[in-house]
Amino acid sequence: MDFLTGGSKNTWQPVMGPDTTTSSYWLNWRVLLCCVWLLTAMGMASYLITKYEGPLNRKSRNSENDDDDDDDDYGGVLYDDEIWKPCLKGIHPAWLMIYRIFAFFVLLILITLNAIVDGGGIFYYYTQWTFTLITIYFGIGSLLSIYGCYQYRNKFGGHRSGELDEEQAEITNLPNAAKYRGPKDHKRPRQVAGFWGYLFQIMFQMQAGAVVLTDCVFWFIMVPFLAIKDYNLNFLIIIMHSINVVFLIGDTALNSLRFPWFRIAYFVLWTCVYVVFQWIVHACLALWWPYPFLDLSSPFSPLWYLLVALLHGPCYGIFVLVIKLKHFLLSKWFPDSNRYVL
């Protein structure tokens, strides 16, 4: 057990700060400025979601004319088969299903072990919030992939040849002047994803930024600080700040989910909800802060909050670059098998 917990008196322990239940702690210019940052971020995120999320006005676009081929390019639209089909036509959907099931059980075991070793208080941290989110993501993804494989088996009998023959027929049936360019040239109606599909897509993009933010803050801010203080890092802390991004990148490499930029809004809201949760808890109870930069007693707290807020852009941007690299490589290496839509 010492291997998991570190077993050293030099492991990090939280430090109590000022009493957070007093009115003087909250009624000051620092908290007011931090509230402005928070409300601004939540307002902008809500605007992006309202404006771009979902297949908005899809019926009106479909009723206009056949020259409107932008439906598949519209970032808010998600089709049902994009949830469970791999990004390459040569990969059977069962492989993505197996990967998601494996990742789910590994992550579930780790978060359960972490709760047993350190207690339920671990869910006081943003890391465990994000780790729980990615565990639920793979759990839902496993169920959706199982359902997708069931549909695939009923339609094609579980054989790749049936799907490839259908796709080839679609290509040959196009007018001579038309060129096959992937999913957007499919003239047959495609089923738009339902609630669970959209929830799965949103979780994918929300955790993409959250995982990068969590690991970057830990490895580049917290670890140097702990090293200076001569604290030890146990196995669970190290593995939970690394395996999450490994599994997420693996799923990203296999899946055909889109990555529209506007869903950074969910990532921002996720962090804002965590901050509001911390504020409510500390307003009611005199507790230590899980992260020193959340403490509102410091005169630099507004600057810390602003810097963390601005970090959301680069963290989300890093994953956008990963997605663009994936799209570039698939288009270059597998131009005839790539079904991924950027």
Protein backbone atom coordinates (compact mmCIF):
# COMPACT_ATOMS: atom_id res chain seq x y z
CA MET A 1 0.00 0.00 0.00
CA ASP A 2 2.97 2.28 0.58
CA PHE A 3 3.73 1.95 -3.13
CA LEU A 4 0.31 3.44 -3.92
CA THR A 5 0.22 6.15 -1.26
CA GLY A 6 3.87 7.07 -1.15
CA GLY A 7 4.20 5.98 2.46
CA SER A 8 6.29 9.00 3.38
CA LYS A 9 5.78 11.77 5.87
CA ASN A 10 6.94 14.11 3.13
CA THR A 11 3.82 13.59 1.04
CA TRP A 12 1.85 16.75 0.37
CA GLN A 13 -0.70 17.84 2.95
CA PRO A 14 -3.21 20.71 2.54
CA VAL A 15 -2.56 23.92 4.47
CA MET A 16 -5.34 25.87 6.14
CA GLY A 17 -5.63 29.49 5.11
CA PRO A 18 -7.81 32.34 6.38
CA ASP A 19 -11.33 31.65 7.61
CA THR A 20 -13.46 31.57 4.47
CA THR A 21 -16.80 31.74 6.30
CA THR A 22 -16.44 35.39 7.33
CA SER A 23 -18.10 38.19 5.37
CA SER A 24 -14.82 40.10 5.12
CA TYR A 25 -13.33 37.25 3.10
CA TRP A 26 -15.96 37.64 0.38
CA LEU A 27 -16.94 41.32 0.45
CA ASN A 28 -13.91 42.90 -1.18
CA TRP A 29 -12.60 44.04 -4.55
CA ARG A 30 -10.68 40.80 -5.19
CA VAL A 31 -13.76 38.60 -5.08
CA LEU A 32 -15.72 41.15 -7.12
CA LEU A 33 -13.08 41.11 -9.87
CA CYS A 34 -12.94 37.31 -9.86
CA CYS A 35 -16.74 37.25 -10.14
CA VAL A 36 -16.48 39.48 -13.20
CA TRP A 37 -14.02 37.03 -14.81
CA LEU A 38 -16.26 34.09 -13.97
CA LEU A 39 -19.52 35.64 -15.18
CA THR A 40 -17.88 36.88 -18.37
CA ALA A 41 -16.56 33.40 -19.16
CA MET A 42 -19.93 31.77 -18.43
CA GLY A 43 -21.76 34.38 -20.50
CA MET A 44 -19.51 33.91 -23.53
CA ALA A 45 -19.74 30.13 -23.24
CA SER A 46 -23.53 30.24 -23.04
CA TYR A 47 -23.66 32.47 -26.11
CA LEU A 48 -21.55 30.04 -28.16
CA ILE A 49 -23.69 27.08 -27.13
CA THR A 50 -26.93 28.90 -27.92
CA LYS A 51 -25.67 30.05 -31.30
CA TYR A 52 -23.94 26.95 -32.63
CA GLU A 53 -24.99 23.81 -30.75
CA GLY A 54 -27.11 21.11 -32.36
CA PRO A 55 -28.61 20.79 -35.84
CA LEU A 56 -30.18 24.25 -35.62
CA ASN A 57 -32.39 25.27 -38.58
CA ARG A 58 -31.51 21.99 -40.27
CA LYS A 59 -35.03 21.51 -41.59
CA SER A 60 -35.05 24.94 -43.20
CA ARG A 61 -31.70 24.27 -44.85
CA ASN A 62 -32.85 20.89 -46.16
CA SER A 63 -36.04 22.43 -47.60
CA GLU A 64 -34.20 25.01 -49.71
CA ASN A 65 -32.34 23.30 -52.57
CA ASP A 66 -29.96 20.48 -53.30
CA ASP A 67 -27.07 22.87 -53.81
CA ASP A 68 -26.79 23.32 -50.07
CA ASP A 69 -24.09 20.80 -49.26
CA ASP A 70 -22.94 22.41 -46.06
CA ASP A 71 -25.03 20.32 -43.67
CA ASP A 72 -22.22 17.88 -43.01
CA ASP A 73 -19.77 20.74 -42.61
CA TYR A 74 -21.98 22.38 -40.02
CA GLY A 75 -20.13 21.85 -36.77
CA GLY A 76 -23.21 21.46 -34.59
CA VAL A 77 -24.54 18.44 -36.48
CA LEU A 78 -23.67 14.94 -35.28
CA TYR A 79 -24.79 11.82 -37.11
CA ASP A 80 -25.60 8.60 -35.35
CA ASP A 81 -23.02 6.44 -37.13
CA GLU A 82 -20.19 8.87 -36.35
CA ILE A 83 -20.46 7.87 -32.69
CA TRP A 84 -19.41 4.26 -33.12
CA LYS A 85 -17.70 3.99 -36.52
CA PRO A 86 -13.88 4.21 -36.63
CA CYS A 87 -12.25 6.91 -38.73
CA LEU A 88 -11.09 4.41 -41.37
CA LYS A 89 -13.41 2.18 -43.38
CA GLY A 90 -10.98 -0.72 -43.11
CA ILE A 91 -11.30 -0.88 -39.32
CA HIS A 92 -14.18 -2.93 -37.93
CA PRO A 93 -16.31 -1.04 -35.35
CA ALA A 94 -15.68 -3.86 -32.89
CA TRP A 95 -12.09 -2.68 -32.42
CA LEU A 96 -13.24 0.73 -31.23
CA MET A 97 -15.78 -0.97 -28.97
CA ILE A 98 -13.11 -3.21 -27.41
CA TYR A 99 -10.79 -0.26 -26.86
CA ARG A 100 -13.50 1.75 -25.12
CA ILE A 101 -14.54 -1.14 -22.89
CA PHE A 102 -10.92 -1.78 -21.89
CA ALA A 103 -10.30 1.91 -21.15
CA PHE A 104 -13.49 2.16 -19.12
CA PHE A 105 -12.61 -0.72 -16.81
CA VAL A 106 -9.02 0.43 -16.32
CA LEU A 107 -10.14 3.98 -15.46
CA LEU A 108 -12.95 2.70 -13.23
CA ILE A 109 -10.51 0.51 -11.30
CA LEU A 110 -8.09 3.41 -10.86
CA ILE A 111 -10.68 5.94 -9.63
CA THR A 112 -12.17 3.32 -7.30
CA LEU A 113 -8.73 2.43 -5.95
CA ASN A 114 -7.97 6.11 -5.49
CA ALA A 115 -11.19 6.56 -3.48
CA ILE A 116 -10.42 3.53 -1.31
CA VAL A 117 -6.85 4.63 -0.60
CA ASP A 118 -7.45 8.36 -0.07
CA GLY A 119 -11.16 8.48 0.79
CA GLY A 120 -14.08 10.31 -0.77
CA GLY A 121 -12.32 13.62 -0.25
CA ILE A 122 -10.46 13.09 -3.52
CA PHE A 123 -13.54 14.38 -5.34
CA TYR A 124 -12.72 17.75 -3.86
CA TYR A 125 -10.08 18.07 -6.60
CA TYR A 126 -10.49 19.12 -10.24
CA THR A 127 -8.29 16.18 -11.23
CA GLN A 128 -10.78 13.65 -9.88
CA TRP A 129 -13.67 15.55 -11.43
CA THR A 130 -11.99 15.27 -14.82
CA PHE A 131 -10.93 11.66 -14.24
CA THR A 132 -14.51 10.75 -13.33
CA LEU A 133 -15.73 12.54 -16.45
CA ILE A 134 -13.42 10.58 -18.75
CA THR A 135 -14.44 7.34 -17.02
CA ILE A 136 -18.12 8.11 -17.66
CA TYR A 137 -17.21 9.07 -21.23
CA PHE A 138 -15.71 5.65 -21.91
CA GLY A 139 -18.61 3.98 -20.13
CA ILE A 140 -21.18 5.71 -22.35
CA GLY A 141 -18.93 5.18 -25.37
CA SER A 142 -18.77 1.45 -24.66
CA LEU A 143 -22.57 1.19 -24.60
CA LEU A 144 -22.93 3.26 -27.77
CA SER A 145 -20.29 1.17 -29.53
CA ILE A 146 -22.04 -2.05 -28.48
CA TYR A 147 -25.29 -0.69 -29.90
CA GLY A 148 -23.48 0.43 -33.06
CA CYS A 149 -21.90 -2.99 -33.56
CA TYR A 150 -25.34 -4.54 -33.16
CA GLN A 151 -26.68 -2.25 -35.89
CA TYR A 152 -23.66 -2.98 -38.05
CA ARG A 153 -24.12 -6.71 -37.69
CA ASN A 154 -27.79 -6.53 -38.62
CA LYS A 155 -27.06 -4.40 -41.67
CA PHE A 156 -23.89 -5.97 -43.05
CA GLY A 157 -23.77 -9.31 -41.27
CA GLY A 158 -20.57 -8.29 -39.51
CA HIS A 159 -18.55 -8.32 -42.76
CA ARG A 160 -16.53 -5.40 -44.11
CA SER A 161 -17.30 -6.38 -47.70
CA GLY A 162 -20.96 -5.46 -47.36
CA GLU A 163 -20.20 -1.93 -46.23
CA LEU A 164 -17.49 -1.46 -48.86
CA ASP A 165 -19.83 -2.68 -51.61
CA GLU A 166 -22.49 -0.21 -50.50
CA GLU A 167 -20.01 2.67 -50.44
CA GLN A 168 -18.70 1.69 -53.89
CA ALA A 169 -22.27 1.64 -55.21
CA GLU A 170 -22.80 5.15 -53.89
CA ILE A 171 -19.70 6.35 -55.72
CA THR A 172 -20.64 4.79 -59.06
CA ASN A 173 -24.20 6.14 -58.86
CA LEU A 174 -23.02 9.74 -58.65
CA PRO A 175 -23.21 11.92 -61.80
CA ASN A 176 -20.16 11.85 -64.06
CA ALA A 177 -19.24 15.42 -63.17
CA ALA A 178 -19.39 14.71 -59.45
CA LYS A 179 -16.41 13.62 -57.45
CA TYR A 180 -16.61 11.52 -54.34
CA ARG A 181 -15.35 13.56 -51.42
CA GLY A 182 -16.42 11.51 -48.42
CA PRO A 183 -19.46 11.69 -46.13
CA LYS A 184 -20.73 15.04 -47.44
CA ASP A 185 -21.53 13.50 -50.84
CA HIS A 186 -23.91 10.91 -49.46
CA LYS A 187 -27.30 11.87 -50.86
CA ARG A 188 -29.27 9.44 -48.77
CA PRO A 189 -30.63 10.83 -45.49
CA ARG A 190 -28.49 10.13 -42.45
CA GLN A 191 -29.91 9.76 -38.99
CA VAL A 192 -28.98 12.60 -36.67
CA ALA A 193 -27.70 11.46 -33.28
CA GLY A 194 -30.02 11.51 -30.30
CA PHE A 195 -29.54 12.81 -26.78
CA TRP A 196 -26.91 10.26 -25.72
CA GLY A 197 -24.97 10.77 -28.90
CA TYR A 198 -24.77 14.53 -28.43
CA LEU A 199 -23.94 14.10 -24.75
CA PHE A 200 -21.11 11.76 -25.73
CA GLN A 201 -19.79 14.23 -28.30
CA ILE A 202 -19.96 17.11 -25.81
CA MET A 203 -18.13 15.08 -23.16
CA PHE A 204 -15.43 14.23 -25.71
CA GLN A 205 -14.65 17.87 -26.42
CA MET A 206 -15.18 19.05 -22.85
CA GLN A 207 -12.73 16.56 -21.40
CA ALA A 208 -10.22 17.12 -24.21
CA GLY A 209 -9.51 20.56 -22.84
CA ALA A 210 -9.97 19.56 -19.19
CA VAL A 211 -7.49 16.68 -19.39
CA VAL A 212 -4.84 18.87 -21.02
CA LEU A 213 -5.43 21.63 -18.46
CA THR A 214 -5.28 19.18 -15.53
CA ASP A 215 -2.08 17.49 -16.67
CA CYS A 216 -0.36 20.71 -17.70
CA VAL A 217 -1.12 22.43 -14.38
CA PHE A 218 0.03 19.33 -12.50
CA TRP A 219 3.27 18.62 -14.37
CA PHE A 220 4.35 22.21 -15.04
CA ILE A 221 3.09 24.03 -11.93
CA MET A 222 2.31 21.63 -9.10
CA VAL A 223 5.18 19.16 -9.58
CA PRO A 224 7.94 21.84 -9.57
CA PHE A 225 6.32 23.36 -6.46
CA LEU A 226 6.19 19.96 -4.72
CA ALA A 227 9.78 19.23 -5.75
CA ILE A 228 10.97 22.46 -4.16
CA LYS A 229 9.17 21.51 -0.95
CA ASP A 230 10.75 18.03 -1.11
CA TYR A 231 7.40 16.24 -1.31
CA ASN A 232 7.03 12.76 -2.79
CA LEU A 233 4.62 11.75 -5.55
CA ASN A 234 2.92 8.39 -5.15
CA PHE A 235 2.01 5.96 -7.89
CA LEU A 236 -1.68 6.87 -8.03
CA ILE A 237 -0.97 10.59 -8.42
CA ILE A 238 1.46 9.98 -11.27
CA ILE A 239 -0.70 7.44 -13.14
CA MET A 240 -3.89 9.52 -12.82
CA HIS A 241 -2.15 12.51 -14.39
CA SER A 242 -0.90 10.56 -17.38
CA ILE A 243 -3.12 7.61 -18.29
CA ASN A 244 -6.12 9.89 -18.84
CA VAL A 245 -4.52 11.69 -21.76
CA VAL A 246 -3.09 8.41 -23.13
CA PHE A 247 -6.53 6.80 -23.32
CA LEU A 248 -8.12 9.97 -24.71
CA ILE A 249 -5.56 10.29 -27.51
CA GLY A 250 -6.04 6.60 -28.32
CA ASP A 251 -9.78 7.06 -28.66
CA THR A 252 -9.22 10.21 -30.71
CA ALA A 253 -6.98 8.31 -33.10
CA LEU A 254 -9.68 5.67 -33.66
CA ASN A 255 -13.00 7.52 -33.58
CA SER A 256 -14.69 9.62 -36.25
CA LEU A 257 -16.13 12.26 -33.93
CA ARG A 258 -15.97 15.86 -35.09
CA PHE A 259 -14.23 18.61 -33.16
CA PRO A 260 -15.94 21.98 -33.86
CA TRP A 261 -14.19 24.86 -32.13
CA PHE A 262 -17.27 26.33 -30.40
CA ARG A 263 -17.52 23.44 -27.94
CA ILE A 264 -14.70 24.99 -25.97
CA ALA A 265 -17.72 26.57 -24.27
CA TYR A 266 -18.45 23.31 -22.42
CA PHE A 267 -14.86 23.08 -21.25
CA VAL A 268 -15.10 26.63 -19.88
CA LEU A 269 -18.42 25.90 -18.18
CA TRP A 270 -16.99 22.72 -16.65
CA THR A 271 -14.23 24.71 -14.96
CA CYS A 272 -16.63 27.49 -13.94
CA VAL A 273 -18.95 24.98 -12.27
CA TYR A 274 -16.00 23.60 -10.33
CA VAL A 275 -14.99 27.09 -9.17
CA VAL A 276 -18.57 27.93 -8.12
CA PHE A 277 -18.70 24.62 -6.25
CA GLN A 278 -15.51 25.53 -4.38
CA TRP A 279 -16.83 28.99 -3.53
CA ILE A 280 -20.10 27.59 -2.14
CA VAL A 281 -18.30 24.97 -0.05
CA HIS A 282 -15.83 27.52 1.37
CA ALA A 283 -18.56 30.04 2.10
CA CYS A 284 -20.25 27.42 4.27
CA LEU A 285 -17.23 25.65 5.76
CA ALA A 286 -13.77 26.80 6.80
CA LEU A 287 -11.69 24.44 4.69
CA TRP A 288 -8.35 24.41 2.94
CA TRP A 289 -8.21 25.19 -0.76
CA PRO A 290 -7.35 22.20 -2.99
CA TYR A 291 -5.24 24.48 -5.20
CA PRO A 292 -3.37 27.49 -3.76
CA PHE A 293 -4.28 29.76 -6.69
CA LEU A 294 -7.99 29.43 -5.81
CA ASP A 295 -7.49 31.20 -2.47
CA LEU A 296 -9.22 34.60 -2.72
CA SER A 297 -7.32 36.12 0.20
CA SER A 298 -4.24 36.82 -1.88
CA PRO A 299 -4.02 40.27 -3.54
CA PHE A 300 -2.90 38.42 -6.68
CA SER A 301 -5.96 36.15 -6.78
CA PRO A 302 -7.67 38.08 -9.62
CA LEU A 303 -4.50 37.69 -11.68
CA TRP A 304 -4.32 33.97 -10.93
CA TYR A 305 -7.97 33.49 -11.89
CA LEU A 306 -7.45 35.41 -15.12
CA LEU A 307 -4.34 33.41 -16.02
CA VAL A 308 -6.12 30.10 -15.42
CA ALA A 309 -9.06 31.33 -17.51
CA LEU A 310 -6.71 32.30 -20.36
CA LEU A 311 -5.05 28.88 -20.15
CA HIS A 312 -8.25 27.33 -21.46
CA GLY A 313 -7.52 28.65 -24.94
CA PRO A 314 -4.05 27.07 -25.35
CA CYS A 315 -5.13 23.83 -23.65
CA TYR A 316 -8.08 23.43 -26.01
CA GLY A 317 -5.91 24.61 -28.89
CA ILE A 318 -3.38 21.85 -28.23
CA PHE A 319 -6.07 19.25 -28.78
CA VAL A 320 -7.34 21.06 -31.86
CA LEU A 321 -3.82 20.71 -33.29
CA VAL A 322 -3.89 16.99 -32.45
CA ILE A 323 -7.17 16.67 -34.34
CA LYS A 324 -5.84 18.60 -37.35
CA LEU A 325 -2.71 16.44 -37.38
CA LYS A 326 -4.90 13.35 -37.36
CA HIS A 327 -6.97 14.70 -40.26
CA PHE A 328 -3.83 15.56 -42.24
CA LEU A 329 -2.25 12.14 -41.73
CA LEU A 330 -5.45 10.24 -42.53
CA SER A 331 -5.99 12.27 -45.69
CA LYS A 332 -2.40 11.66 -46.75
CA TRP A 333 -2.00 8.00 -45.83
CA PHE A 334 -5.56 6.70 -46.32
CA PRO A 335 -7.29 9.03 -48.81
CA ASP A 336 -9.74 6.35 -50.00
CA SER A 337 -10.51 4.92 -46.57
CA ASN A 338 -10.79 8.07 -44.49
CA ARG A 339 -14.33 8.85 -43.31
CA TYR A 340 -13.30 11.43 -40.71
CA VAL A 341 -14.91 14.88 -40.92
CA LEU A 342 -12.91 17.76 -39.40
